């Protein structure tokens, strides 16, 4: 009998290249983070501090919580490859402070948050043959919000391509949000109406945007006519076969910890 723990945030990479995912999440091979990834973590930390203060009844100004962004950026907990991105720490700090202020002033007031990065009750899925998937973790960077017709899960995403052609880029985002919806419902017994992306662009001139609400659970659970990602994942975990994808845009030594021993990119 084996149980594999899968965090919501890793579902996308599982289906981008399962071979690379296995290397990272089962075999424990890791790559240092790039500076842009650390910038994203820093912005998420400071915006979470802002939202949690409001939930606690002690609202703070953007300046009061900006220090969280600077401290997280300049003192990261993870290993960082400072040469992998064309960005200096000072430049990242300027971008982060701008995004933090815009979020606190323009985006956060649009929401009625009820939880910030909520802890979730693990949920196990029987894959057959004694194998189980355990969905676990907290809503990394995500919130729970009251909306007109129920509960939604807004998730903050940063990046240089998070907004494309004037719209929030939702490609590949449903798996994580769908898992959050499932785990929230499992934890609380309360239904959700969907998820949405709060997009904070780290490059270019695009303004922060919020996507429409969409039901991401169907991507995980499937429909009457199509299998969901959970069913496909269960087959991987049951058989132990994690196929490679040499055409993945992340198939490079910069992103994949398994690159040096993988023959499929040749």
C-alpha atoms as a PDB file:
ATOM      1  CA  UNK A   1       0.000   0.000   0.000  1.00  0.00           C
ATOM      2  CA  UNK A   2       1.364   3.441  -0.927  1.00  0.00           C
ATOM      3  CA  UNK A   3       0.041   6.951  -0.442  1.00  0.00           C
ATOM      4  CA  UNK A   4       1.412   9.819  -2.499  1.00  0.00           C
ATOM      5  CA  UNK A   5       0.801  13.330  -1.216  1.00  0.00           C
ATOM      6  CA  UNK A   6      -0.033  15.873  -3.905  1.00  0.00           C
ATOM      7  CA  UNK A   7      -0.284  19.587  -3.186  1.00  0.00           C
ATOM      8  CA  UNK A   8      -2.830  21.561  -5.181  1.00  0.00           C
ATOM      9  CA  UNK A   9      -0.124  23.829  -6.562  1.00  0.00           C
ATOM     10  CA  UNK A  10       1.698  20.904  -8.228  1.00  0.00           C
ATOM     11  CA  UNK A  11      -1.162  19.519 -10.336  1.00  0.00           C
ATOM     12  CA  UNK A  12      -0.322  21.661 -13.336  1.00  0.00           C
ATOM     13  CA  UNK A  13       3.285  20.486 -13.465  1.00  0.00           C
ATOM     14  CA  UNK A  14       2.167  16.837 -13.124  1.00  0.00           C
ATOM     15  CA  UNK A  15       0.349  17.090 -16.447  1.00  0.00           C
ATOM     16  CA  UNK A  16       2.972  19.313 -18.076  1.00  0.00           C
ATOM     17  CA  UNK A  17       5.703  16.702 -17.622  1.00  0.00           C
ATOM     18  CA  UNK A  18       4.934  13.838 -15.264  1.00  0.00           C
ATOM     19  CA  UNK A  19       8.524  12.607 -15.504  1.00  0.00           C
ATOM     20  CA  UNK A  20       9.848  15.915 -14.164  1.00  0.00           C
ATOM     21  CA  UNK A  21       7.085  15.992 -11.526  1.00  0.00           C
ATOM     22  CA  UNK A  22       8.089  12.528 -10.301  1.00  0.00           C
ATOM     23  CA  UNK A  23      11.690  13.685  -9.999  1.00  0.00           C
ATOM     24  CA  UNK A  24      10.738  16.653  -7.855  1.00  0.00           C
ATOM     25  CA  UNK A  25       7.835  15.413  -5.751  1.00  0.00           C
ATOM     26  CA  UNK A  26       8.582  11.701  -5.346  1.00  0.00           C
ATOM     27  CA  UNK A  27      12.346  11.413  -5.800  1.00  0.00           C
ATOM     28  CA  UNK A  28      13.037  14.708  -4.011  1.00  0.00           C
ATOM     29  CA  UNK A  29      15.245  16.344  -6.644  1.00  0.00           C
ATOM     30  CA  UNK A  30      15.026  20.136  -6.451  1.00  0.00           C
ATOM     31  CA  UNK A  31      16.211  23.136  -8.433  1.00  0.00           C
ATOM     32  CA  UNK A  32      16.942  26.508  -6.833  1.00  0.00           C
ATOM     33  CA  UNK A  33      14.204  29.064  -7.414  1.00  0.00           C
ATOM     34  CA  UNK A  34      14.661  31.927  -9.858  1.00  0.00           C
ATOM     35  CA  UNK A  35      14.405  35.509  -8.647  1.00  0.00           C
ATOM     36  CA  UNK A  36      11.044  36.029 -10.367  1.00  0.00           C
ATOM     37  CA  UNK A  37       9.630  33.098  -8.406  1.00  0.00           C
ATOM     38  CA  UNK A  38      10.951  34.635  -5.177  1.00  0.00           C
ATOM     39  CA  UNK A  39       9.360  37.949  -6.193  1.00  0.00           C
ATOM     40  CA  UNK A  40       6.031  36.174  -6.558  1.00  0.00           C
ATOM     41  CA  UNK A  41       6.403  34.585  -3.125  1.00  0.00           C
ATOM     42  CA  UNK A  42       7.251  37.973  -1.602  1.00  0.00           C
ATOM     43  CA  UNK A  43       4.227  39.706  -3.135  1.00  0.00           C
ATOM     44  CA  UNK A  44       1.973  36.898  -1.998  1.00  0.00           C
ATOM     45  CA  UNK A  45       3.315  37.182   1.562  1.00  0.00           C
ATOM     46  CA  UNK A  46       2.776  40.941   1.814  1.00  0.00           C
ATOM     47  CA  UNK A  47      -0.690  40.908   0.238  1.00  0.00           C
ATOM     48  CA  UNK A  48      -1.680  38.074   2.590  1.00  0.00           C
ATOM     49  CA  UNK A  49      -0.495  40.184   5.544  1.00  0.00           C
ATOM     50  CA  UNK A  50      -2.664  43.042   4.292  1.00  0.00           C
ATOM     51  CA  UNK A  51      -5.765  40.873   3.899  1.00  0.00           C
ATOM     52  CA  UNK A  52      -5.287  39.042   7.202  1.00  0.00           C
ATOM     53  CA  UNK A  53      -4.988  42.350   9.061  1.00  0.00           C
ATOM     54  CA  UNK A  54      -8.343  43.432   7.636  1.00  0.00           C
ATOM     55  CA  UNK A  55      -9.904  40.091   8.606  1.00  0.00           C
ATOM     56  CA  UNK A  56      -8.538  40.510  12.146  1.00  0.00           C
ATOM     57  CA  UNK A  57     -10.250  43.899  12.421  1.00  0.00           C
ATOM     58  CA  UNK A  58      -6.946  45.759  12.459  1.00  0.00           C
ATOM     59  CA  UNK A  59      -6.601  47.139   8.917  1.00  0.00           C
ATOM     60  CA  UNK A  60      -3.138  48.335   7.959  1.00  0.00           C
ATOM     61  CA  UNK A  61      -1.978  50.687   5.239  1.00  0.00           C
ATOM     62  CA  UNK A  62      -0.049  49.372   2.198  1.00  0.00           C
ATOM     63  CA  UNK A  63       3.093  50.929   3.688  1.00  0.00           C
ATOM     64  CA  UNK A  64       2.559  49.004   6.929  1.00  0.00           C
ATOM     65  CA  UNK A  65       2.712  45.614   5.168  1.00  0.00           C
ATOM     66  CA  UNK A  66       5.165  46.488   2.372  1.00  0.00           C
ATOM     67  CA  UNK A  67       8.031  45.514   4.651  1.00  0.00           C
ATOM     68  CA  UNK A  68       6.836  41.900   4.510  1.00  0.00           C
ATOM     69  CA  UNK A  69       7.441  41.921   0.756  1.00  0.00           C
ATOM     70  CA  UNK A  70      10.929  43.415   1.094  1.00  0.00           C
ATOM     71  CA  UNK A  71      11.964  41.059   3.892  1.00  0.00           C
ATOM     72  CA  UNK A  72      10.686  37.946   2.070  1.00  0.00           C
ATOM     73  CA  UNK A  73      12.404  39.010  -1.156  1.00  0.00           C
ATOM     74  CA  UNK A  74      15.756  39.793   0.434  1.00  0.00           C
ATOM     75  CA  UNK A  75      15.787  36.885   2.899  1.00  0.00           C
ATOM     76  CA  UNK A  76      14.235  33.931   1.026  1.00  0.00           C
ATOM     77  CA  UNK A  77      13.802  30.614   2.796  1.00  0.00           C
ATOM     78  CA  UNK A  78      14.591  28.584  -0.327  1.00  0.00           C
ATOM     79  CA  UNK A  79      17.772  28.329  -2.396  1.00  0.00           C
ATOM     80  CA  UNK A  80      17.849  30.941  -5.161  1.00  0.00           C
ATOM     81  CA  UNK A  81      19.700  31.054  -8.475  1.00  0.00           C
ATOM     82  CA  UNK A  82      20.193  34.790  -8.924  1.00  0.00           C
ATOM     83  CA  UNK A  83      21.608  34.322 -12.433  1.00  0.00           C
ATOM     84  CA  UNK A  84      18.656  32.535 -14.010  1.00  0.00           C
ATOM     85  CA  UNK A  85      16.468  35.617 -14.552  1.00  0.00           C
ATOM     86  CA  UNK A  86      17.372  38.928 -16.160  1.00  0.00           C
ATOM     87  CA  UNK A  87      16.464  40.800 -13.009  1.00  0.00           C
ATOM     88  CA  UNK A  88      18.330  42.302 -10.069  1.00  0.00           C
ATOM     89  CA  UNK A  89      17.116  42.226  -6.486  1.00  0.00           C
ATOM     90  CA  UNK A  90      16.695  46.016  -6.513  1.00  0.00           C
ATOM     91  CA  UNK A  91      14.591  45.824  -9.682  1.00  0.00           C
ATOM     92  CA  UNK A  92      12.516  43.014  -8.194  1.00  0.00           C
ATOM     93  CA  UNK A  93      11.947  45.097  -5.075  1.00  0.00           C
ATOM     94  CA  UNK A  94      10.667  48.062  -7.105  1.00  0.00           C
ATOM     95  CA  UNK A  95       8.281  45.810  -9.027  1.00  0.00           C
ATOM     96  CA  UNK A  96       7.122  44.124  -5.824  1.00  0.00           C
ATOM     97  CA  UNK A  97       6.428  47.371  -3.982  1.00  0.00           C
ATOM     98  CA  UNK A  98       4.399  48.669  -6.925  1.00  0.00           C
ATOM     99  CA  UNK A  99       2.341  45.464  -7.194  1.00  0.00           C
ATOM    100  CA  UNK A 100       1.787  45.368  -3.443  1.00  0.00           C
ATOM    101  CA  UNK A 101       0.461  48.930  -3.386  1.00  0.00           C
ATOM    102  CA  UNK A 102      -1.788  48.399  -6.418  1.00  0.00           C
ATOM    103  CA  UNK A 103      -3.215  45.245  -4.902  1.00  0.00           C
ATOM    104  CA  UNK A 104      -3.940  46.807  -1.523  1.00  0.00           C
ATOM    105  CA  UNK A 105      -5.485  49.977  -2.974  1.00  0.00           C
ATOM    106  CA  UNK A 106      -7.289  48.730  -6.098  1.00  0.00           C
ATOM    107  CA  UNK A 107      -7.853  44.963  -5.868  1.00  0.00           C
ATOM    108  CA  UNK A 108      -8.413  43.929  -2.240  1.00  0.00           C
ATOM    109  CA  UNK A 109     -11.313  46.367  -1.641  1.00  0.00           C
ATOM    110  CA  UNK A 110     -13.277  44.571  -4.372  1.00  0.00           C
ATOM    111  CA  UNK A 111     -13.503  41.424  -2.232  1.00  0.00           C
ATOM    112  CA  UNK A 112     -15.222  40.330   0.948  1.00  0.00           C
ATOM    113  CA  UNK A 113     -12.609  37.855   2.157  1.00  0.00           C
ATOM    114  CA  UNK A 114     -13.466  35.302   4.858  1.00  0.00           C
ATOM    115  CA  UNK A 115     -10.135  33.415   4.953  1.00  0.00           C
ATOM    116  CA  UNK A 116      -6.554  33.916   3.773  1.00  0.00           C
ATOM    117  CA  UNK A 117      -4.359  30.908   2.897  1.00  0.00           C
ATOM    118  CA  UNK A 118      -6.749  28.663   4.819  1.00  0.00           C
ATOM    119  CA  UNK A 119      -5.541  25.327   6.204  1.00  0.00           C
ATOM    120  CA  UNK A 120      -7.347  22.434   4.549  1.00  0.00           C
ATOM    121  CA  UNK A 121      -8.253  18.936   5.703  1.00  0.00           C
ATOM    122  CA  UNK A 122      -6.415  16.249   3.661  1.00  0.00           C
ATOM    123  CA  UNK A 123      -8.555  14.196   1.300  1.00  0.00           C
ATOM    124  CA  UNK A 124      -7.595  10.719   0.061  1.00  0.00           C
ATOM    125  CA  UNK A 125      -8.518   9.227  -3.300  1.00  0.00           C
ATOM    126  CA  UNK A 126      -8.322   5.444  -3.823  1.00  0.00           C
ATOM    127  CA  UNK A 127      -6.449   4.740  -7.070  1.00  0.00           C
ATOM    128  CA  UNK A 128      -6.789   0.950  -6.815  1.00  0.00           C
ATOM    129  CA  UNK A 129      -4.120  -1.713  -6.230  1.00  0.00           C
ATOM    130  CA  UNK A 130      -3.418  -0.265  -2.781  1.00  0.00           C
ATOM    131  CA  UNK A 131      -2.417   3.172  -4.082  1.00  0.00           C
ATOM    132  CA  UNK A 132      -3.879   6.409  -2.791  1.00  0.00           C
ATOM    133  CA  UNK A 133      -3.557  10.092  -3.670  1.00  0.00           C
ATOM    134  CA  UNK A 134      -3.673  12.381  -0.641  1.00  0.00           C
ATOM    135  CA  UNK A 135      -4.652  15.952  -1.499  1.00  0.00           C
ATOM    136  CA  UNK A 136      -3.287  18.176   1.221  1.00  0.00           C
ATOM    137  CA  UNK A 137      -1.883  21.539   2.249  1.00  0.00           C
ATOM    138  CA  UNK A 138      -3.148  25.049   2.649  1.00  0.00           C
ATOM    139  CA  UNK A 139      -4.542  27.393   0.032  1.00  0.00           C
ATOM    140  CA  UNK A 140      -1.126  28.751  -0.884  1.00  0.00           C
ATOM    141  CA  UNK A 141      -1.660  32.362  -1.978  1.00  0.00           C
ATOM    142  CA  UNK A 142      -5.434  31.848  -2.297  1.00  0.00           C
ATOM    143  CA  UNK A 143      -8.339  33.395  -0.433  1.00  0.00           C
ATOM    144  CA  UNK A 144     -11.939  32.504   0.349  1.00  0.00           C
ATOM    145  CA  UNK A 145     -14.442  35.214  -0.511  1.00  0.00           C
ATOM    146  CA  UNK A 146     -18.174  35.839  -0.301  1.00  0.00           C
ATOM    147  CA  UNK A 147     -19.657  36.613  -3.697  1.00  0.00           C
ATOM    148  CA  UNK A 148     -23.206  37.329  -4.780  1.00  0.00           C
ATOM    149  CA  UNK A 149     -24.249  33.689  -5.133  1.00  0.00           C
ATOM    150  CA  UNK A 150     -22.003  31.882  -2.638  1.00  0.00           C
ATOM    151  CA  UNK A 151     -18.350  31.183  -1.881  1.00  0.00           C
ATOM    152  CA  UNK A 152     -15.537  31.637  -4.395  1.00  0.00           C
ATOM    153  CA  UNK A 153     -11.807  30.901  -4.237  1.00  0.00           C
ATOM    154  CA  UNK A 154      -9.718  33.816  -5.585  1.00  0.00           C
ATOM    155  CA  UNK A 155      -6.075  32.897  -6.195  1.00  0.00           C
ATOM    156  CA  UNK A 156      -3.282  35.456  -6.674  1.00  0.00           C
ATOM    157  CA  UNK A 157      -0.976  34.807  -9.618  1.00  0.00           C
ATOM    158  CA  UNK A 158       2.053  36.877 -10.565  1.00  0.00           C
ATOM    159  CA  UNK A 159       4.167  36.648 -13.686  1.00  0.00           C
ATOM    160  CA  UNK A 160       5.242  38.368 -16.869  1.00  0.00           C
ATOM    161  CA  UNK A 161       2.574  36.535 -18.929  1.00  0.00           C
ATOM    162  CA  UNK A 162      -0.307  36.367 -16.481  1.00  0.00           C
ATOM    163  CA  UNK A 163      -2.186  38.907 -18.609  1.00  0.00           C
ATOM    164  CA  UNK A 164      -2.296  38.355 -22.365  1.00  0.00           C
ATOM    165  CA  UNK A 165      -4.247  40.255 -25.016  1.00  0.00           C
ATOM    166  CA  UNK A 166      -5.944  42.299 -22.327  1.00  0.00           C
ATOM    167  CA  UNK A 167      -7.301  39.278 -20.437  1.00  0.00           C
ATOM    168  CA  UNK A 168      -6.201  37.148 -17.491  1.00  0.00           C
ATOM    169  CA  UNK A 169      -4.394  34.078 -18.773  1.00  0.00           C
ATOM    170  CA  UNK A 170      -6.319  31.150 -17.289  1.00  0.00           C
ATOM    171  CA  UNK A 171      -4.449  28.429 -19.162  1.00  0.00           C
ATOM    172  CA  UNK A 172      -3.357  25.691 -16.770  1.00  0.00           C
ATOM    173  CA  UNK A 173      -4.870  27.366 -13.706  1.00  0.00           C
ATOM    174  CA  UNK A 174      -8.012  25.247 -13.285  1.00  0.00           C
ATOM    175  CA  UNK A 175      -6.313  22.176 -11.770  1.00  0.00           C
ATOM    176  CA  UNK A 176      -5.013  24.070  -8.728  1.00  0.00           C
ATOM    177  CA  UNK A 177      -8.195  26.062  -8.224  1.00  0.00           C
ATOM    178  CA  UNK A 178     -10.344  22.973  -8.724  1.00  0.00           C
ATOM    179  CA  UNK A 179      -8.374  21.183  -6.019  1.00  0.00           C
ATOM    180  CA  UNK A 180      -8.871  24.147  -3.689  1.00  0.00           C
ATOM    181  CA  UNK A 181     -12.616  24.025  -4.355  1.00  0.00           C
ATOM    182  CA  UNK A 182     -12.730  20.306  -3.583  1.00  0.00           C
ATOM    183  CA  UNK A 183     -10.645  20.619  -0.412  1.00  0.00           C
ATOM    184  CA  UNK A 184     -12.596  23.630   0.847  1.00  0.00           C
ATOM    185  CA  UNK A 185     -15.846  21.744   0.402  1.00  0.00           C
ATOM    186  CA  UNK A 186     -14.356  18.657   2.086  1.00  0.00           C
ATOM    187  CA  UNK A 187     -13.070  20.769   5.000  1.00  0.00           C
ATOM    188  CA  UNK A 188     -16.169  22.885   5.630  1.00  0.00           C
ATOM    189  CA  UNK A 189     -19.072  21.009   4.074  1.00  0.00           C
ATOM    190  CA  UNK A 190     -19.933  24.237   2.246  1.00  0.00           C
ATOM    191  CA  UNK A 191     -20.303  24.351  -1.525  1.00  0.00           C
ATOM    192  CA  UNK A 192     -18.296  26.713  -3.724  1.00  0.00           C
ATOM    193  CA  UNK A 193     -19.475  28.436  -6.887  1.00  0.00           C
ATOM    194  CA  UNK A 194     -16.046  28.578  -8.498  1.00  0.00           C
ATOM    195  CA  UNK A 195     -12.605  30.132  -8.483  1.00  0.00           C
ATOM    196  CA  UNK A 196     -11.002  33.156 -10.066  1.00  0.00           C
ATOM    197  CA  UNK A 197      -7.529  34.549 -10.691  1.00  0.00           C
ATOM    198  CA  UNK A 198      -6.218  37.830  -9.308  1.00  0.00           C
ATOM    199  CA  UNK A 199      -3.530  38.636 -11.883  1.00  0.00           C
ATOM    200  CA  UNK A 200      -0.556  40.806 -10.888  1.00  0.00           C
ATOM    201  CA  UNK A 201       1.770  41.296 -13.898  1.00  0.00           C
ATOM    202  CA  UNK A 202       5.478  41.564 -13.098  1.00  0.00           C
ATOM    203  CA  UNK A 203       6.508  42.918 -16.510  1.00  0.00           C
ATOM    204  CA  UNK A 204       5.136  45.175 -19.225  1.00  0.00           C
ATOM    205  CA  UNK A 205       2.465  47.839 -18.913  1.00  0.00           C
ATOM    206  CA  UNK A 206      -0.570  45.668 -18.198  1.00  0.00           C
ATOM    207  CA  UNK A 207      -2.703  46.651 -15.203  1.00  0.00           C
ATOM    208  CA  UNK A 208      -3.642  44.152 -12.456  1.00  0.00           C
ATOM    209  CA  UNK A 209      -6.866  42.354 -13.333  1.00  0.00           C
ATOM    210  CA  UNK A 210      -9.374  39.924 -11.832  1.00  0.00           C
ATOM    211  CA  UNK A 211     -10.777  37.104 -13.955  1.00  0.00           C
ATOM    212  CA  UNK A 212     -14.437  36.085 -14.061  1.00  0.00           C
ATOM    213  CA  UNK A 213     -15.477  33.300 -11.683  1.00  0.00           C
ATOM    214  CA  UNK A 214     -15.372  29.841 -13.270  1.00  0.00           C
ATOM    215  CA  UNK A 215     -16.039  26.337 -11.926  1.00  0.00           C
ATOM    216  CA  UNK A 216     -12.644  24.635 -11.937  1.00  0.00           C
ATOM    217  CA  UNK A 217     -13.820  21.427 -10.236  1.00  0.00           C
ATOM    218  CA  UNK A 218     -14.981  19.895 -13.510  1.00  0.00           C
ATOM    219  CA  UNK A 219     -11.371  19.806 -14.731  1.00  0.00           C
ATOM    220  CA  UNK A 220     -10.492  17.643 -11.727  1.00  0.00           C
ATOM    221  CA  UNK A 221     -13.666  15.570 -11.456  1.00  0.00           C
ATOM    222  CA  UNK A 222     -14.656  15.351 -15.120  1.00  0.00           C
ATOM    223  CA  UNK A 223     -18.117  15.376 -16.649  1.00  0.00           C
ATOM    224  CA  UNK A 224     -20.546  12.755 -17.895  1.00  0.00           C
ATOM    225  CA  UNK A 225     -18.698  12.739 -21.198  1.00  0.00           C
ATOM    226  CA  UNK A 226     -15.058  13.305 -20.219  1.00  0.00           C
ATOM    227  CA  UNK A 227     -12.657  12.023 -17.583  1.00  0.00           C
ATOM    228  CA  UNK A 228     -11.231  14.484 -15.086  1.00  0.00           C
ATOM    229  CA  UNK A 229      -7.561  14.922 -14.224  1.00  0.00           C
ATOM    230  CA  UNK A 230      -7.932  12.898 -11.023  1.00  0.00           C
ATOM    231  CA  UNK A 231      -8.827   9.796 -13.013  1.00  0.00           C
ATOM    232  CA  UNK A 232      -5.805  10.230 -15.276  1.00  0.00           C
ATOM    233  CA  UNK A 233      -3.538  10.869 -12.277  1.00  0.00           C
ATOM    234  CA  UNK A 234      -4.869   7.782 -10.520  1.00  0.00           C
ATOM    235  CA  UNK A 235      -3.696   5.667 -13.453  1.00  0.00           C
ATOM    236  CA  UNK A 236      -0.177   7.129 -13.172  1.00  0.00           C
ATOM    237  CA  UNK A 237       0.018   6.478  -9.444  1.00  0.00           C
ATOM    238  CA  UNK A 238      -1.475   2.989  -9.750  1.00  0.00           C
ATOM    239  CA  UNK A 239       1.025   1.912 -12.430  1.00  0.00           C
ATOM    240  CA  UNK A 240       4.005   4.021 -11.386  1.00  0.00           C
ATOM    241  CA  UNK A 241       4.316   5.321 -14.961  1.00  0.00           C
ATOM    242  CA  UNK A 242       5.033   9.062 -15.157  1.00  0.00           C
ATOM    243  CA  UNK A 243       5.490   9.858 -18.874  1.00  0.00           C
ATOM    244  CA  UNK A 244       7.922  12.520 -20.105  1.00  0.00           C
ATOM    245  CA  UNK A 245       7.016  15.507 -22.255  1.00  0.00           C
ATOM    246  CA  UNK A 246      10.110  16.651 -24.181  1.00  0.00           C
ATOM    247  CA  UNK A 247       8.057  19.420 -25.841  1.00  0.00           C
ATOM    248  CA  UNK A 248       7.170  21.087 -22.542  1.00  0.00           C
ATOM    249  CA  UNK A 249       8.188  24.767 -22.440  1.00  0.00           C
ATOM    250  CA  UNK A 250       9.775  23.939 -19.065  1.00  0.00           C
ATOM    251  CA  UNK A 251      11.919  21.163 -20.542  1.00  0.00           C
ATOM    252  CA  UNK A 252      15.291  22.789 -19.868  1.00  0.00           C
ATOM    253  CA  UNK A 253      18.097  22.615 -17.302  1.00  0.00           C
ATOM    254  CA  UNK A 254      16.820  25.907 -15.860  1.00  0.00           C
ATOM    255  CA  UNK A 255      13.554  24.370 -14.670  1.00  0.00           C
ATOM    256  CA  UNK A 256      13.938  20.590 -14.498  1.00  0.00           C
ATOM    257  CA  UNK A 257      15.928  18.951 -11.705  1.00  0.00           C
ATOM    258  CA  UNK A 258      15.916  15.695 -13.675  1.00  0.00           C
ATOM    259  CA  UNK A 259      17.410  17.189 -16.851  1.00  0.00           C
ATOM    260  CA  UNK A 260      20.926  15.782 -16.359  1.00  0.00           C
ATOM    261  CA  UNK A 261      19.718  12.157 -16.238  1.00  0.00           C
ATOM    262  CA  UNK A 262      16.763  12.409 -18.640  1.00  0.00           C
ATOM    263  CA  UNK A 263      17.305  11.057 -22.162  1.00  0.00           C
ATOM    264  CA  UNK A 264      13.943  12.176 -23.557  1.00  0.00           C
ATOM    265  CA  UNK A 265      14.905  15.791 -24.311  1.00  0.00           C
ATOM    266  CA  UNK A 266      17.666  14.691 -26.709  1.00  0.00           C
END
